[in-house]
Amino acid sequence: MPSLFIAGRSDWGVYQNPGDFEKMQKTACRRMVGTHLLNGAGHWVQQEQPEEVGKLLVQFLRGQA
């Protein structure tokens, strides 16, 4: 199953444990097709950057991520 990760660059969760973000990209999902840390967003990325999140989700669902 393809996977996509979208988070805010200012979300502390991404940096909580050093190396976990990189590990997730390589081992957590077999088909990680995209990881995006969006500027100008924190924990509520879908509300802080709704247009960019929507654009990335549409690309992913169309198989263009």
PDB file of N, CA and C in Angstrom:
ATOM      1  N   MET A   1       0.838  -1.157   0.000  1.00  0.00           N
ATOM      2  CA  MET A   1       0.000   0.000   0.000  1.00  0.00           C
ATOM      3  C   MET A   1       0.903   1.247   0.000  1.00  0.00           C
ATOM      4  N   PRO A   2       0.740   2.142  -0.938  1.00  0.00           N
ATOM      5  CA  PRO A   2       1.541   3.362  -0.931  1.00  0.00           C
ATOM      6  C   PRO A   2       1.160   4.262   0.245  1.00  0.00           C
ATOM      7  N   SER A   3       2.145   4.966   0.759  1.00  0.00           N
ATOM      8  CA  SER A   3       1.937   5.847   1.908  1.00  0.00           C
ATOM      9  C   SER A   3       2.492   7.229   1.619  1.00  0.00           C
ATOM     10  N   LEU A   4       1.889   8.222   2.260  1.00  0.00           N
ATOM     11  CA  LEU A   4       2.302   9.618   2.140  1.00  0.00           C
ATOM     12  C   LEU A   4       2.317  10.210   3.535  1.00  0.00           C
ATOM     13  N   PHE A   5       3.345  10.977   3.856  1.00  0.00           N
ATOM     14  CA  PHE A   5       3.457  11.632   5.157  1.00  0.00           C
ATOM     15  C   PHE A   5       3.515  13.131   4.927  1.00  0.00           C
ATOM     16  N   ILE A   6       2.612  13.858   5.580  1.00  0.00           N
ATOM     17  CA  ILE A   6       2.587  15.314   5.498  1.00  0.00           C
ATOM     18  C   ILE A   6       2.552  15.844   6.924  1.00  0.00           C
ATOM     19  N   ALA A   7       3.451  16.764   7.232  1.00  0.00           N
ATOM     20  CA  ALA A   7       3.477  17.375   8.565  1.00  0.00           C
ATOM     21  C   ALA A   7       3.952  18.815   8.426  1.00  0.00           C
ATOM     22  N   GLY A   8       3.715  19.574   9.467  1.00  0.00           N
ATOM     23  CA  GLY A   8       4.237  20.929   9.510  1.00  0.00           C
ATOM     24  C   GLY A   8       5.692  20.924   9.927  1.00  0.00           C
ATOM     25  N   ARG A   9       6.486  21.751   9.298  1.00  0.00           N
ATOM     26  CA  ARG A   9       7.908  21.832   9.633  1.00  0.00           C
ATOM     27  C   ARG A   9       8.109  22.236  11.101  1.00  0.00           C
ATOM     28  N   SER A  10       7.153  22.955  11.667  1.00  0.00           N
ATOM     29  CA  SER A  10       7.253  23.392  13.065  1.00  0.00           C
ATOM     30  C   SER A  10       6.594  22.433  14.050  1.00  0.00           C
ATOM     31  N   ASP A  11       6.143  21.277  13.599  1.00  0.00           N
ATOM     32  CA  ASP A  11       5.535  20.294  14.492  1.00  0.00           C
ATOM     33  C   ASP A  11       6.647  19.588  15.263  1.00  0.00           C
ATOM     34  N   TRP A  12       6.632  19.722  16.583  1.00  0.00           N
ATOM     35  CA  TRP A  12       7.688  19.140  17.406  1.00  0.00           C
ATOM     36  C   TRP A  12       7.734  17.614  17.314  1.00  0.00           C
ATOM     37  N   GLY A  13       6.614  16.987  16.990  1.00  0.00           N
ATOM     38  CA  GLY A  13       6.565  15.529  16.930  1.00  0.00           C
ATOM     39  C   GLY A  13       7.538  14.925  15.927  1.00  0.00           C
ATOM     40  N   VAL A  14       7.779  15.635  14.841  1.00  0.00           N
ATOM     41  CA  VAL A  14       8.696  15.133  13.808  1.00  0.00           C
ATOM     42  C   VAL A  14      10.120  15.017  14.349  1.00  0.00           C
ATOM     43  N   TYR A  15      10.454  15.875  15.312  1.00  0.00           N
ATOM     44  CA  TYR A  15      11.828  15.942  15.823  1.00  0.00           C
ATOM     45  C   TYR A  15      11.959  15.340  17.219  1.00  0.00           C
ATOM     46  N   GLN A  16      10.905  14.699  17.710  1.00  0.00           N
ATOM     47  CA  GLN A  16      10.866  14.206  19.082  1.00  0.00           C
ATOM     48  C   GLN A  16      12.014  13.245  19.391  1.00  0.00           C
ATOM     49  N   ASN A  17      12.260  12.299  18.527  1.00  0.00           N
ATOM     50  CA  ASN A  17      13.356  11.345  18.708  1.00  0.00           C
ATOM     51  C   ASN A  17      14.264  11.425  17.489  1.00  0.00           C
ATOM     52  N   PRO A  18      15.484  11.910  17.668  1.00  0.00           N
ATOM     53  CA  PRO A  18      16.391  12.052  16.534  1.00  0.00           C
ATOM     54  C   PRO A  18      16.522  10.760  15.729  1.00  0.00           C
ATOM     55  N   GLY A  19      16.370  10.896  14.428  1.00  0.00           N
ATOM     56  CA  GLY A  19      16.512   9.768  13.517  1.00  0.00           C
ATOM     57  C   GLY A  19      15.219   9.039  13.214  1.00  0.00           C
ATOM     58  N   ASP A  20      14.165   9.242  14.011  1.00  0.00           N
ATOM     59  CA  ASP A  20      12.908   8.524  13.775  1.00  0.00           C
ATOM     60  C   ASP A  20      12.234   8.917  12.464  1.00  0.00           C
ATOM     61  N   PHE A  21      12.308  10.184  12.099  1.00  0.00           N
ATOM     62  CA  PHE A  21      11.701  10.644  10.852  1.00  0.00           C
ATOM     63  C   PHE A  21      12.336   9.936   9.661  1.00  0.00           C
ATOM     64  N   GLU A  22      13.650   9.855   9.665  1.00  0.00           N
ATOM     65  CA  GLU A  22      14.368   9.175   8.587  1.00  0.00           C
ATOM     66  C   GLU A  22      14.092   7.666   8.602  1.00  0.00           C
ATOM     67  N   LYS A  23      14.044   7.090   9.784  1.00  0.00           N
ATOM     68  CA  LYS A  23      13.758   5.656   9.914  1.00  0.00           C
ATOM     69  C   LYS A  23      12.367   5.329   9.383  1.00  0.00           C
ATOM     70  N   MET A  24      11.388   6.182   9.701  1.00  0.00           N
ATOM     71  CA  MET A  24      10.019   5.977   9.224  1.00  0.00           C
ATOM     72  C   MET A  24       9.985   5.933   7.704  1.00  0.00           C
ATOM     73  N   GLN A  25      10.757   6.784   7.061  1.00  0.00           N
ATOM     74  CA  GLN A  25      10.762   6.844   5.606  1.00  0.00           C
ATOM     75  C   GLN A  25      11.333   5.583   4.979  1.00  0.00           C
ATOM     76  N   LYS A  26      12.249   4.931   5.681  1.00  0.00           N
ATOM     77  CA  LYS A  26      12.944   3.782   5.097  1.00  0.00           C
ATOM     78  C   LYS A  26      12.390   2.429   5.548  1.00  0.00           C
ATOM     79  N   THR A  27      11.828   2.362   6.753  1.00  0.00           N
ATOM     80  CA  THR A  27      11.466   1.043   7.264  1.00  0.00           C
ATOM     81  C   THR A  27      10.008   0.895   7.701  1.00  0.00           C
ATOM     82  N   ALA A  28       9.325   1.961   8.037  1.00  0.00           N
ATOM     83  CA  ALA A  28       7.961   1.843   8.570  1.00  0.00           C
ATOM     84  C   ALA A  28       6.955   1.454   7.491  1.00  0.00           C
ATOM     85  N   CYS A  29       7.165   1.942   6.308  1.00  0.00           N
ATOM     86  CA  CYS A  29       6.238   1.675   5.209  1.00  0.00           C
ATOM     87  C   CYS A  29       7.021   1.114   4.027  1.00  0.00           C
ATOM     88  N   ARG A  30       6.460   0.106   3.389  1.00  0.00           N
ATOM     89  CA  ARG A  30       7.164  -0.510   2.261  1.00  0.00           C
ATOM     90  C   ARG A  30       7.175   0.369   1.027  1.00  0.00           C
ATOM     91  N   ARG A  31       6.120   1.182   0.848  1.00  0.00           N
ATOM     92  CA  ARG A  31       6.028   2.026  -0.352  1.00  0.00           C
ATOM     93  C   ARG A  31       5.773   3.475   0.047  1.00  0.00           C
ATOM     94  N   MET A  32       6.720   4.066   0.765  1.00  0.00           N
ATOM     95  CA  MET A  32       6.610   5.471   1.135  1.00  0.00           C
ATOM     96  C   MET A  32       6.895   6.288  -0.117  1.00  0.00           C
ATOM     97  N   VAL A  33       5.859   6.875  -0.685  1.00  0.00           N
ATOM     98  CA  VAL A  33       6.012   7.584  -1.955  1.00  0.00           C
ATOM     99  C   VAL A  33       6.259   9.075  -1.775  1.00  0.00           C
ATOM    100  N   GLY A  34       6.102   9.568  -0.542  1.00  0.00           N
ATOM    101  CA  GLY A  34       6.364  10.984  -0.334  1.00  0.00           C
ATOM    102  C   GLY A  34       6.349  11.368   1.126  1.00  0.00           C
ATOM    103  N   THR A  35       7.258  12.255   1.486  1.00  0.00           N
ATOM    104  CA  THR A  35       7.271  12.859   2.811  1.00  0.00           C
ATOM    105  C   THR A  35       7.419  14.365   2.607  1.00  0.00           C
ATOM    106  N   HIS A  36       6.571  15.111   3.284  1.00  0.00           N
ATOM    107  CA  HIS A  36       6.565  16.560   3.099  1.00  0.00           C
ATOM    108  C   HIS A  36       6.467  17.256   4.447  1.00  0.00           C
ATOM    109  N   LEU A  37       7.396  18.162   4.723  1.00  0.00           N
ATOM    110  CA  LEU A  37       7.338  19.027   5.892  1.00  0.00           C
ATOM    111  C   LEU A  37       7.036  20.430   5.369  1.00  0.00           C
ATOM    112  N   LEU A  38       5.850  20.931   5.675  1.00  0.00           N
ATOM    113  CA  LEU A  38       5.396  22.186   5.098  1.00  0.00           C
ATOM    114  C   LEU A  38       5.782  23.380   5.959  1.00  0.00           C
ATOM    115  N   ASN A  39       6.367  24.384   5.306  1.00  0.00           N
ATOM    116  CA  ASN A  39       6.704  25.625   5.989  1.00  0.00           C
ATOM    117  C   ASN A  39       5.431  26.344   6.418  1.00  0.00           C
ATOM    118  N   GLY A  40       5.521  27.086   7.493  1.00  0.00           N
ATOM    119  CA  GLY A  40       4.382  27.861   7.956  1.00  0.00           C
ATOM    120  C   GLY A  40       3.311  27.035   8.625  1.00  0.00           C
ATOM    121  N   ALA A  41       3.658  25.825   9.062  1.00  0.00           N
ATOM    122  CA  ALA A  41       2.679  24.954   9.709  1.00  0.00           C
ATOM    123  C   ALA A  41       3.325  24.201  10.858  1.00  0.00           C
ATOM    124  N   GLY A  42       2.498  23.893  11.844  1.00  0.00           N
ATOM    125  CA  GLY A  42       2.921  23.098  12.987  1.00  0.00           C
ATOM    126  C   GLY A  42       2.111  21.823  13.053  1.00  0.00           C
ATOM    127  N   HIS A  43       1.529  21.563  14.224  1.00  0.00           N
ATOM    128  CA  HIS A  43       0.813  20.307  14.456  1.00  0.00           C
ATOM    129  C   HIS A  43      -0.492  20.213  13.660  1.00  0.00           C
ATOM    130  N   TRP A  44      -1.145  21.304  13.369  1.00  0.00           N
ATOM    131  CA  TRP A  44      -2.422  21.315  12.647  1.00  0.00           C
ATOM    132  C   TRP A  44      -2.204  21.666  11.185  1.00  0.00           C
ATOM    133  N   VAL A  45      -1.333  20.949  10.522  1.00  0.00           N
ATOM    134  CA  VAL A  45      -0.915  21.261   9.151  1.00  0.00           C
ATOM    135  C   VAL A  45      -2.103  21.372   8.190  1.00  0.00           C
ATOM    136  N   GLN A  46      -3.113  20.542   8.357  1.00  0.00           N
ATOM    137  CA  GLN A  46      -4.258  20.567   7.445  1.00  0.00           C
ATOM    138  C   GLN A  46      -5.071  21.848   7.596  1.00  0.00           C
ATOM    139  N   GLN A  47      -4.971  22.514   8.737  1.00  0.00           N
ATOM    140  CA  GLN A  47      -5.680  23.772   8.931  1.00  0.00           C
ATOM    141  C   GLN A  47      -4.778  24.975   8.671  1.00  0.00           C
ATOM    142  N   GLU A  48      -3.491  24.810   8.884  1.00  0.00           N
ATOM    143  CA  GLU A  48      -2.550  25.912   8.701  1.00  0.00           C
ATOM    144  C   GLU A  48      -2.111  26.072   7.245  1.00  0.00           C
ATOM    145  N   GLN A  49      -2.106  24.987   6.493  1.00  0.00           N
ATOM    146  CA  GLN A  49      -1.727  25.009   5.078  1.00  0.00           C
ATOM    147  C   GLN A  49      -2.710  24.154   4.268  1.00  0.00           C
ATOM    148  N   PRO A  50      -4.012  24.460   4.317  1.00  0.00           N
ATOM    149  CA  PRO A  50      -4.997  23.573   3.677  1.00  0.00           C
ATOM    150  C   PRO A  50      -4.826  23.422   2.174  1.00  0.00           C
ATOM    151  N   GLU A  51      -4.453  24.474   1.480  1.00  0.00           N
ATOM    152  CA  GLU A  51      -4.304  24.378   0.021  1.00  0.00           C
ATOM    153  C   GLU A  51      -3.167  23.433  -0.350  1.00  0.00           C
ATOM    154  N   GLU A  52      -2.048  23.562   0.343  1.00  0.00           N
ATOM    155  CA  GLU A  52      -0.891  22.706   0.036  1.00  0.00           C
ATOM    156  C   GLU A  52      -1.170  21.252   0.413  1.00  0.00           C
ATOM    157  N   VAL A  53      -1.804  21.035   1.550  1.00  0.00           N
ATOM    158  CA  VAL A  53      -2.159  19.668   1.956  1.00  0.00           C
ATOM    159  C   VAL A  53      -3.107  19.057   0.924  1.00  0.00           C
ATOM    160  N   GLY A  54      -4.113  19.814   0.514  1.00  0.00           N
ATOM    161  CA  GLY A  54      -5.054  19.325  -0.491  1.00  0.00           C
ATOM    162  C   GLY A  54      -4.371  18.983  -1.800  1.00  0.00           C
ATOM    163  N   LYS A  55      -3.462  19.837  -2.240  1.00  0.00           N
ATOM    164  CA  LYS A  55      -2.722  19.603  -3.483  1.00  0.00           C
ATOM    165  C   LYS A  55      -1.905  18.315  -3.384  1.00  0.00           C
ATOM    166  N   LEU A  56      -1.212  18.128  -2.271  1.00  0.00           N
ATOM    167  CA  LEU A  56      -0.396  16.924  -2.093  1.00  0.00           C
ATOM    168  C   LEU A  56      -1.260  15.665  -2.033  1.00  0.00           C
ATOM    169  N   LEU A  57      -2.410  15.746  -1.372  1.00  0.00           N
ATOM    170  CA  LEU A  57      -3.302  14.584  -1.299  1.00  0.00           C
ATOM    171  C   LEU A  57      -3.862  14.215  -2.667  1.00  0.00           C
ATOM    172  N   VAL A  58      -4.253  15.199  -3.454  1.00  0.00           N
ATOM    173  CA  VAL A  58      -4.769  14.923  -4.802  1.00  0.00           C
ATOM    174  C   VAL A  58      -3.677  14.283  -5.662  1.00  0.00           C
ATOM    175  N   GLN A  59      -2.449  14.807  -5.596  1.00  0.00           N
ATOM    176  CA  GLN A  59      -1.342  14.217  -6.352  1.00  0.00           C
ATOM    177  C   GLN A  59      -1.118  12.766  -5.925  1.00  0.00           C
ATOM    178  N   PHE A  60      -1.138  12.517  -4.623  1.00  0.00           N
ATOM    179  CA  PHE A  60      -0.957  11.175  -4.108  1.00  0.00           C
ATOM    180  C   PHE A  60      -2.044  10.231  -4.606  1.00  0.00           C
ATOM    181  N   LEU A  61      -3.290  10.661  -4.520  1.00  0.00           N
ATOM    182  CA  LEU A  61      -4.402   9.808  -4.930  1.00  0.00           C
ATOM    183  C   LEU A  61      -4.408   9.546  -6.437  1.00  0.00           C
ATOM    184  N   ARG A  62      -3.826  10.459  -7.192  1.00  0.00           N
ATOM    185  CA  ARG A  62      -3.702  10.246  -8.635  1.00  0.00           C
ATOM    186  C   ARG A  62      -2.462   9.449  -9.006  1.00  0.00           C
ATOM    187  N   GLY A  63      -1.674   9.089  -7.997  1.00  0.00           N
ATOM    188  CA  GLY A  63      -0.462   8.324  -8.242  1.00  0.00           C
ATOM    189  C   GLY A  63       0.707   9.157  -8.721  1.00  0.00           C
ATOM    190  N   GLN A  64       0.673  10.464  -8.413  1.00  0.00           N
ATOM    191  CA  GLN A  64       1.714  11.375  -8.872  1.00  0.00           C
ATOM    192  C   GLN A  64       2.545  11.943  -7.739  1.00  0.00           C
ATOM    193  N   ALA A  65       2.490  11.348  -6.557  1.00  0.00           N
ATOM    194  CA  ALA A  65       3.172  11.913  -5.378  1.00  0.00           C
ATOM    195  C   ALA A  65       4.665  11.871  -5.499  1.00  0.00           C
TER     196      ALA A  65
END
